[in-house]
Amino acid sequence: MIYGFYLYSRTGLCLFHLELVKYNGLSDQEEHKRFLFGLLRTFKNFSHFVSHEPQDNIVRVISTTSFRLHVCMTATGLRFAILSSLETPRLDQTLSYLYQLYVEYVAKNPLYTIGTVIHCDRYYKEVKRHLTGEVYNFNASKYAK
């Protein structure tokens, strides 16, 4: 089961997040996003510190007794992260596909400014469709007031 998807810039700004399961006892969503980025950055730094071959120390999966964190970092410093249950197999292909969606619907979008929070309906719907398998009415807007 996938709990959530997060996309961070190289500076730690959460560009996009999608919660598929609400977390119990979570008081502040912004604090949760900061902690998750801190965890990603800490493990990256730790892997560089203990590795004998610096070019081959990419953290891809972090497992605890209650969840698994799947990570993909691009050459530009974007960090794609999926929080899932322990039963979920590795999600390397899913993260690659989510990166392809980012390139197609966000990076190629002339209205998007790199490094800002993503407010693209099509990207949101495609990510959610891929992670949940749901079918959407692409004429309806999540961001419509």
N, C-alpha and C. Protein backbone atom coordinates (compact mmCIF):
# COMPACT_ATOMS: atom_id res chain seq x y z
N MET A 1 0.84 -1.17 0.00
CA MET A 1 0.00 0.00 0.00
C MET A 1 0.89 1.24 0.00
N ILE A 2 0.57 2.19 -0.83
CA ILE A 2 1.31 3.44 -0.90
C ILE A 2 0.60 4.47 -0.02
N TYR A 3 1.37 5.08 0.88
CA TYR A 3 0.82 6.08 1.79
C TYR A 3 0.88 7.49 1.21
N GLY A 4 1.96 7.80 0.48
CA GLY A 4 2.07 9.15 -0.04
C GLY A 4 3.24 9.29 -1.00
N PHE A 5 3.19 10.36 -1.79
CA PHE A 5 4.24 10.68 -2.75
C PHE A 5 4.68 12.12 -2.51
N TYR A 6 6.00 12.33 -2.55
CA TYR A 6 6.57 13.65 -2.30
C TYR A 6 7.62 13.96 -3.34
N LEU A 7 7.66 15.21 -3.77
CA LEU A 7 8.66 15.67 -4.73
C LEU A 7 9.31 16.92 -4.14
N TYR A 8 10.63 16.85 -3.95
CA TYR A 8 11.39 17.94 -3.34
C TYR A 8 12.38 18.53 -4.33
N SER A 9 12.61 19.84 -4.19
CA SER A 9 13.67 20.50 -4.96
C SER A 9 14.99 20.22 -4.25
N ARG A 10 16.08 20.62 -4.88
CA ARG A 10 17.39 20.39 -4.27
C ARG A 10 17.57 21.21 -3.00
N THR A 11 16.80 22.30 -2.85
CA THR A 11 16.91 23.14 -1.66
C THR A 11 16.01 22.68 -0.52
N GLY A 12 15.17 21.69 -0.75
CA GLY A 12 14.31 21.16 0.30
C GLY A 12 12.88 21.61 0.24
N LEU A 13 12.52 22.41 -0.75
CA LEU A 13 11.14 22.85 -0.91
C LEU A 13 10.31 21.68 -1.43
N CYS A 14 9.19 21.42 -0.79
CA CYS A 14 8.29 20.36 -1.26
C CYS A 14 7.49 20.94 -2.42
N LEU A 15 7.84 20.51 -3.64
CA LEU A 15 7.19 21.02 -4.84
C LEU A 15 5.81 20.41 -5.05
N PHE A 16 5.65 19.17 -4.58
CA PHE A 16 4.39 18.46 -4.80
C PHE A 16 4.29 17.36 -3.77
N HIS A 17 3.09 17.14 -3.26
CA HIS A 17 2.87 15.99 -2.39
C HIS A 17 1.44 15.49 -2.59
N LEU A 18 1.30 14.21 -2.42
CA LEU A 18 0.00 13.57 -2.58
C LEU A 18 -0.14 12.54 -1.47
N GLU A 19 -1.03 12.81 -0.53
CA GLU A 19 -1.29 11.86 0.55
C GLU A 19 -2.41 10.93 0.12
N LEU A 20 -2.12 9.65 0.10
CA LEU A 20 -3.14 8.67 -0.24
C LEU A 20 -3.76 8.06 1.00
N VAL A 21 -3.04 8.12 2.12
CA VAL A 21 -3.53 7.65 3.41
C VAL A 21 -3.23 8.73 4.42
N LYS A 22 -4.22 9.13 5.20
CA LYS A 22 -4.02 10.15 6.23
C LYS A 22 -3.25 9.54 7.40
N TYR A 23 -2.30 10.32 7.91
CA TYR A 23 -1.48 9.86 9.03
C TYR A 23 -2.17 10.22 10.34
N ASN A 24 -2.25 9.25 11.26
CA ASN A 24 -2.84 9.51 12.57
C ASN A 24 -1.84 10.28 13.43
N GLY A 25 -2.32 11.25 14.16
CA GLY A 25 -1.48 12.00 15.08
C GLY A 25 -0.57 13.01 14.42
N LEU A 26 -0.77 13.28 13.15
CA LEU A 26 0.07 14.25 12.44
C LEU A 26 -0.49 15.64 12.71
N SER A 27 0.30 16.45 13.43
CA SER A 27 -0.20 17.75 13.82
C SER A 27 0.02 18.82 12.76
N ASP A 28 1.15 18.77 12.08
CA ASP A 28 1.48 19.82 11.13
C ASP A 28 2.03 19.21 9.84
N GLN A 29 1.31 19.40 8.76
CA GLN A 29 1.71 18.82 7.46
C GLN A 29 3.04 19.38 6.99
N GLU A 30 3.27 20.68 7.19
CA GLU A 30 4.53 21.30 6.76
C GLU A 30 5.72 20.73 7.53
N GLU A 31 5.52 20.49 8.81
CA GLU A 31 6.58 19.90 9.62
C GLU A 31 6.89 18.48 9.15
N HIS A 32 5.87 17.75 8.79
CA HIS A 32 6.04 16.38 8.26
C HIS A 32 6.89 16.41 6.99
N LYS A 33 6.61 17.35 6.10
CA LYS A 33 7.38 17.44 4.85
C LYS A 33 8.83 17.81 5.12
N ARG A 34 9.07 18.71 6.08
CA ARG A 34 10.45 19.09 6.43
C ARG A 34 11.21 17.91 7.02
N PHE A 35 10.56 17.16 7.91
CA PHE A 35 11.22 15.99 8.52
C PHE A 35 11.58 14.96 7.46
N LEU A 36 10.67 14.73 6.53
CA LEU A 36 10.93 13.74 5.48
C LEU A 36 12.11 14.16 4.61
N PHE A 37 12.18 15.44 4.25
CA PHE A 37 13.32 15.91 3.47
C PHE A 37 14.61 15.80 4.28
N GLY A 38 14.55 16.13 5.56
CA GLY A 38 15.72 16.00 6.43
C GLY A 38 16.21 14.57 6.49
N LEU A 39 15.28 13.62 6.54
CA LEU A 39 15.65 12.21 6.54
C LEU A 39 16.34 11.83 5.23
N LEU A 40 15.80 12.29 4.12
CA LEU A 40 16.41 11.99 2.81
C LEU A 40 17.81 12.56 2.72
N ARG A 41 17.98 13.80 3.14
CA ARG A 41 19.29 14.45 3.06
C ARG A 41 20.29 13.80 4.01
N THR A 42 19.83 13.44 5.21
CA THR A 42 20.71 12.79 6.19
C THR A 42 21.21 11.45 5.67
N PHE A 43 20.33 10.64 5.11
CA PHE A 43 20.76 9.35 4.59
C PHE A 43 21.70 9.49 3.40
N LYS A 44 21.48 10.50 2.57
CA LYS A 44 22.39 10.73 1.45
C LYS A 44 23.77 11.09 1.98
N ASN A 45 23.83 12.00 2.93
CA ASN A 45 25.12 12.39 3.52
C ASN A 45 25.79 11.22 4.23
N PHE A 46 25.01 10.43 4.95
CA PHE A 46 25.56 9.27 5.65
C PHE A 46 26.14 8.26 4.67
N SER A 47 25.44 8.03 3.56
CA SER A 47 25.94 7.06 2.58
C SER A 47 27.23 7.54 1.94
N HIS A 48 27.36 8.85 1.73
CA HIS A 48 28.62 9.40 1.21
C HIS A 48 29.75 9.22 2.23
N PHE A 49 29.41 9.38 3.51
CA PHE A 49 30.41 9.30 4.57
C PHE A 49 30.97 7.89 4.72
N VAL A 50 30.12 6.86 4.65
CA VAL A 50 30.57 5.50 4.92
C VAL A 50 30.97 4.73 3.66
N SER A 51 30.71 5.28 2.49
CA SER A 51 31.00 4.56 1.25
C SER A 51 32.47 4.67 0.87
N HIS A 52 33.01 3.59 0.34
CA HIS A 52 34.37 3.60 -0.18
C HIS A 52 34.41 4.08 -1.62
N GLU A 53 33.28 4.00 -2.31
CA GLU A 53 33.18 4.46 -3.69
C GLU A 53 32.08 5.51 -3.77
N PRO A 54 32.44 6.80 -3.69
CA PRO A 54 31.44 7.87 -3.61
C PRO A 54 30.44 7.92 -4.75
N GLN A 55 30.80 7.48 -5.95
CA GLN A 55 29.87 7.57 -7.07
C GLN A 55 28.81 6.47 -7.04
N ASP A 56 28.97 5.48 -6.18
CA ASP A 56 28.05 4.33 -6.19
C ASP A 56 27.36 4.16 -4.84
N ASN A 57 26.87 5.24 -4.27
CA ASN A 57 26.26 5.15 -2.95
C ASN A 57 24.89 5.83 -2.91
N ILE A 58 24.05 5.47 -3.82
CA ILE A 58 22.73 6.07 -3.94
C ILE A 58 21.76 5.34 -3.02
N VAL A 59 21.08 6.09 -2.16
CA VAL A 59 20.06 5.51 -1.29
C VAL A 59 18.79 5.36 -2.11
N ARG A 60 18.29 4.13 -2.22
CA ARG A 60 17.08 3.89 -3.02
C ARG A 60 15.89 3.51 -2.15
N VAL A 61 16.13 2.76 -1.07
CA VAL A 61 15.04 2.33 -0.18
C VAL A 61 15.52 2.41 1.26
N ILE A 62 14.68 3.00 2.11
CA ILE A 62 14.93 3.03 3.54
C ILE A 62 13.78 2.27 4.17
N SER A 63 14.10 1.24 4.96
CA SER A 63 13.06 0.43 5.61
C SER A 63 13.16 0.55 7.12
N THR A 64 12.00 0.65 7.75
CA THR A 64 11.91 0.62 9.20
C THR A 64 10.99 -0.54 9.56
N THR A 65 10.61 -0.65 10.81
CA THR A 65 9.70 -1.73 11.20
C THR A 65 8.25 -1.42 10.84
N SER A 66 7.96 -0.17 10.43
CA SER A 66 6.57 0.17 10.13
C SER A 66 6.32 0.74 8.74
N PHE A 67 7.36 1.15 8.03
CA PHE A 67 7.15 1.69 6.69
C PHE A 67 8.41 1.53 5.87
N ARG A 68 8.27 1.81 4.58
CA ARG A 68 9.38 1.79 3.64
C ARG A 68 9.35 3.10 2.85
N LEU A 69 10.52 3.71 2.66
CA LEU A 69 10.63 4.95 1.91
C LEU A 69 11.45 4.68 0.66
N HIS A 70 10.83 4.85 -0.50
CA HIS A 70 11.47 4.62 -1.80
C HIS A 70 11.92 5.98 -2.34
N VAL A 71 13.16 6.07 -2.82
CA VAL A 71 13.74 7.35 -3.20
C VAL A 71 14.36 7.28 -4.58
N CYS A 72 14.20 8.37 -5.34
CA CYS A 72 14.89 8.54 -6.62
C CYS A 72 15.36 9.98 -6.69
N MET A 73 16.67 10.17 -6.91
CA MET A 73 17.21 11.52 -7.02
C MET A 73 17.72 11.74 -8.43
N THR A 74 17.34 12.86 -9.02
CA THR A 74 17.75 13.15 -10.39
C THR A 74 19.09 13.90 -10.38
N ALA A 75 19.67 14.05 -11.56
CA ALA A 75 20.94 14.77 -11.69
C ALA A 75 20.80 16.25 -11.32
N THR A 76 19.59 16.79 -11.44
CA THR A 76 19.35 18.19 -11.10
C THR A 76 19.03 18.39 -9.62
N GLY A 77 18.99 17.31 -8.85
CA GLY A 77 18.75 17.42 -7.42
C GLY A 77 17.32 17.23 -6.99
N LEU A 78 16.41 16.96 -7.92
CA LEU A 78 15.03 16.66 -7.53
C LEU A 78 15.02 15.32 -6.79
N ARG A 79 14.22 15.26 -5.74
CA ARG A 79 14.08 14.01 -4.98
C ARG A 79 12.63 13.56 -5.04
N PHE A 80 12.41 12.39 -5.61
CA PHE A 80 11.09 11.77 -5.68
C PHE A 80 11.05 10.73 -4.57
N ALA A 81 10.03 10.78 -3.72
CA ALA A 81 9.95 9.85 -2.60
C ALA A 81 8.54 9.31 -2.46
N ILE A 82 8.46 8.00 -2.24
CA ILE A 82 7.17 7.35 -1.99
C ILE A 82 7.25 6.66 -0.65
N LEU A 83 6.30 6.95 0.22
CA LEU A 83 6.18 6.30 1.52
C LEU A 83 5.18 5.17 1.37
N SER A 84 5.57 3.96 1.80
CA SER A 84 4.69 2.80 1.58
C SER A 84 4.75 1.84 2.78
N SER A 85 3.89 0.84 2.72
CA SER A 85 3.90 -0.22 3.73
C SER A 85 5.07 -1.16 3.45
N LEU A 86 5.38 -2.01 4.41
CA LEU A 86 6.50 -2.94 4.26
C LEU A 86 6.24 -4.00 3.19
N GLU A 87 4.97 -4.30 2.92
CA GLU A 87 4.63 -5.32 1.94
C GLU A 87 4.84 -4.86 0.50
N THR A 88 5.00 -3.55 0.31
CA THR A 88 5.16 -3.01 -1.03
C THR A 88 6.54 -3.36 -1.57
N PRO A 89 6.60 -3.95 -2.78
CA PRO A 89 7.91 -4.25 -3.36
C PRO A 89 8.62 -2.96 -3.77
N ARG A 90 9.85 -3.08 -4.21
CA ARG A 90 10.60 -1.89 -4.64
C ARG A 90 9.85 -1.17 -5.75
N LEU A 91 9.92 0.14 -5.72
CA LEU A 91 9.15 0.97 -6.65
C LEU A 91 10.04 1.79 -7.58
N ASP A 92 11.17 1.24 -7.98
CA ASP A 92 12.09 1.96 -8.86
C ASP A 92 11.44 2.35 -10.18
N GLN A 93 10.69 1.43 -10.78
CA GLN A 93 10.04 1.72 -12.06
C GLN A 93 8.94 2.77 -11.89
N THR A 94 8.22 2.71 -10.79
CA THR A 94 7.19 3.71 -10.52
C THR A 94 7.80 5.09 -10.37
N LEU A 95 8.91 5.18 -9.65
CA LEU A 95 9.58 6.47 -9.48
C LEU A 95 10.09 7.00 -10.82
N SER A 96 10.61 6.12 -11.66
CA SER A 96 11.05 6.54 -13.00
C SER A 96 9.88 7.07 -13.82
N TYR A 97 8.74 6.39 -13.72
CA TYR A 97 7.56 6.84 -14.46
C TYR A 97 7.07 8.19 -13.93
N LEU A 98 7.12 8.38 -12.60
CA LEU A 98 6.71 9.67 -12.03
C LEU A 98 7.64 10.79 -12.48
N TYR A 99 8.92 10.47 -12.67
CA TYR A 99 9.85 11.45 -13.21
C TYR A 99 9.49 11.79 -14.66
N GLN A 100 9.13 10.78 -15.44
CA GLN A 100 8.70 11.02 -16.83
C GLN A 100 7.46 11.92 -16.86
N LEU A 101 6.52 11.68 -15.95
CA LEU A 101 5.34 12.54 -15.86
C LEU A 101 5.73 13.97 -15.51
N TYR A 102 6.69 14.12 -14.61
CA TYR A 102 7.17 15.45 -14.24
C TYR A 102 7.74 16.17 -15.46
N VAL A 103 8.55 15.48 -16.22
CA VAL A 103 9.15 16.10 -17.41
C VAL A 103 8.06 16.49 -18.40
N GLU A 104 7.13 15.58 -18.64
CA GLU A 104 6.09 15.81 -19.64
C GLU A 104 5.12 16.93 -19.26
N TYR A 105 4.63 16.93 -18.02
CA TYR A 105 3.56 17.85 -17.64
C TYR A 105 4.03 19.08 -16.87
N VAL A 106 5.23 19.05 -16.32
CA VAL A 106 5.69 20.18 -15.52
C VAL A 106 6.88 20.88 -16.17
N ALA A 107 7.97 20.16 -16.37
CA ALA A 107 9.19 20.77 -16.89
C ALA A 107 8.99 21.36 -18.29
N LYS A 108 8.19 20.72 -19.12
CA LYS A 108 7.94 21.22 -20.47
C LYS A 108 6.84 22.28 -20.53
N ASN A 109 6.20 22.54 -19.40
CA ASN A 109 5.11 23.50 -19.34
C ASN A 109 5.68 24.92 -19.32
N PRO A 110 5.40 25.73 -20.33
CA PRO A 110 5.97 27.08 -20.37
C PRO A 110 5.43 28.00 -19.27
N LEU A 111 4.32 27.63 -18.64
CA LEU A 111 3.75 28.45 -17.57
C LEU A 111 4.34 28.13 -16.20
N TYR A 112 5.13 27.06 -16.12
CA TYR A 112 5.70 26.66 -14.84
C TYR A 112 7.08 27.28 -14.65
N THR A 113 7.32 27.82 -13.46
CA THR A 113 8.61 28.36 -13.10
C THR A 113 9.35 27.31 -12.28
N ILE A 114 10.53 26.91 -12.74
CA ILE A 114 11.31 25.88 -12.07
C ILE A 114 11.57 26.27 -10.62
N GLY A 115 11.37 25.32 -9.71
CA GLY A 115 11.64 25.56 -8.30
C GLY A 115 10.47 26.08 -7.50
N THR A 116 9.29 26.19 -8.13
CA THR A 116 8.10 26.64 -7.42
C THR A 116 7.16 25.46 -7.21
N VAL A 117 6.23 25.62 -6.29
CA VAL A 117 5.25 24.57 -6.01
C VAL A 117 4.44 24.29 -7.26
N ILE A 118 4.19 23.02 -7.53
CA ILE A 118 3.50 22.59 -8.74
C ILE A 118 1.98 22.66 -8.54
N HIS A 119 1.30 23.39 -9.42
CA HIS A 119 -0.17 23.48 -9.41
C HIS A 119 -0.68 23.11 -10.80
N CYS A 120 -0.38 21.93 -11.23
CA CYS A 120 -0.77 21.46 -12.55
C CYS A 120 -1.78 20.33 -12.40
N ASP A 121 -3.02 20.60 -12.82
CA ASP A 121 -4.09 19.61 -12.67
C ASP A 121 -3.75 18.29 -13.36
N ARG A 122 -3.23 18.38 -14.56
CA ARG A 122 -2.95 17.17 -15.32
C ARG A 122 -1.89 16.31 -14.63
N TYR A 123 -0.85 16.96 -14.10
CA TYR A 123 0.19 16.22 -13.38
C TYR A 123 -0.39 15.56 -12.14
N TYR A 124 -1.18 16.31 -11.37
CA TYR A 124 -1.82 15.76 -10.18
C TYR A 124 -2.67 14.52 -10.52
N LYS A 125 -3.47 14.65 -11.55
CA LYS A 125 -4.37 13.55 -11.91
C LYS A 125 -3.62 12.34 -12.45
N GLU A 126 -2.57 12.57 -13.22
CA GLU A 126 -1.78 11.45 -13.75
C GLU A 126 -1.02 10.74 -12.64
N VAL A 127 -0.46 11.49 -11.71
CA VAL A 127 0.25 10.88 -10.58
C VAL A 127 -0.72 10.06 -9.75
N LYS A 128 -1.85 10.64 -9.41
CA LYS A 128 -2.84 9.93 -8.59
C LYS A 128 -3.38 8.70 -9.33
N ARG A 129 -3.62 8.85 -10.62
CA ARG A 129 -4.12 7.71 -11.40
C ARG A 129 -3.10 6.58 -11.39
N HIS A 130 -1.84 6.92 -11.55
CA HIS A 130 -0.80 5.88 -11.59
C HIS A 130 -0.64 5.21 -10.22
N LEU A 131 -0.68 5.98 -9.15
CA LEU A 131 -0.46 5.41 -7.82
C LEU A 131 -1.66 4.66 -7.26
N THR A 132 -2.87 5.01 -7.73
CA THR A 132 -4.07 4.37 -7.19
C THR A 132 -4.80 3.51 -8.21
N GLY A 133 -4.55 3.74 -9.50
CA GLY A 133 -5.25 2.99 -10.53
C GLY A 133 -6.63 3.52 -10.83
N GLU A 134 -6.96 4.72 -10.30
CA GLU A 134 -8.28 5.29 -10.51
C GLU A 134 -8.40 5.92 -11.90
N VAL A 135 -9.64 6.10 -12.34
CA VAL A 135 -9.93 6.77 -13.61
C VAL A 135 -10.49 8.14 -13.27
N TYR A 136 -10.07 9.16 -14.02
CA TYR A 136 -10.46 10.53 -13.72
C TYR A 136 -11.16 11.21 -14.87
N ASN A 137 -11.99 12.18 -14.50
CA ASN A 137 -12.55 13.11 -15.46
C ASN A 137 -11.55 14.26 -15.57
N PHE A 138 -10.80 14.32 -16.68
CA PHE A 138 -9.75 15.31 -16.81
C PHE A 138 -10.28 16.72 -17.04
N ASN A 139 -11.59 16.87 -17.15
CA ASN A 139 -12.15 18.21 -17.29
C ASN A 139 -12.43 18.83 -15.93
N ALA A 140 -12.46 18.03 -14.86
CA ALA A 140 -12.68 18.56 -13.52
C ALA A 140 -11.33 19.00 -12.94
N SER A 141 -11.33 20.06 -12.17
CA SER A 141 -10.09 20.60 -11.62
C SER A 141 -10.05 20.42 -10.13
N LYS A 142 -8.93 19.89 -9.63
CA LYS A 142 -8.72 19.77 -8.18
C LYS A 142 -8.58 21.14 -7.56
N TYR A 143 -7.97 22.07 -8.30
CA TYR A 143 -7.66 23.37 -7.76
C TYR A 143 -8.78 24.39 -7.96
N ALA A 144 -9.86 24.00 -8.63
CA ALA A 144 -10.97 24.93 -8.86
C ALA A 144 -11.62 25.27 -7.53
N LYS A 145 -11.92 26.51 -7.37
CA LYS A 145 -12.54 26.98 -6.10
C LYS A 145 -14.03 27.00 -6.24
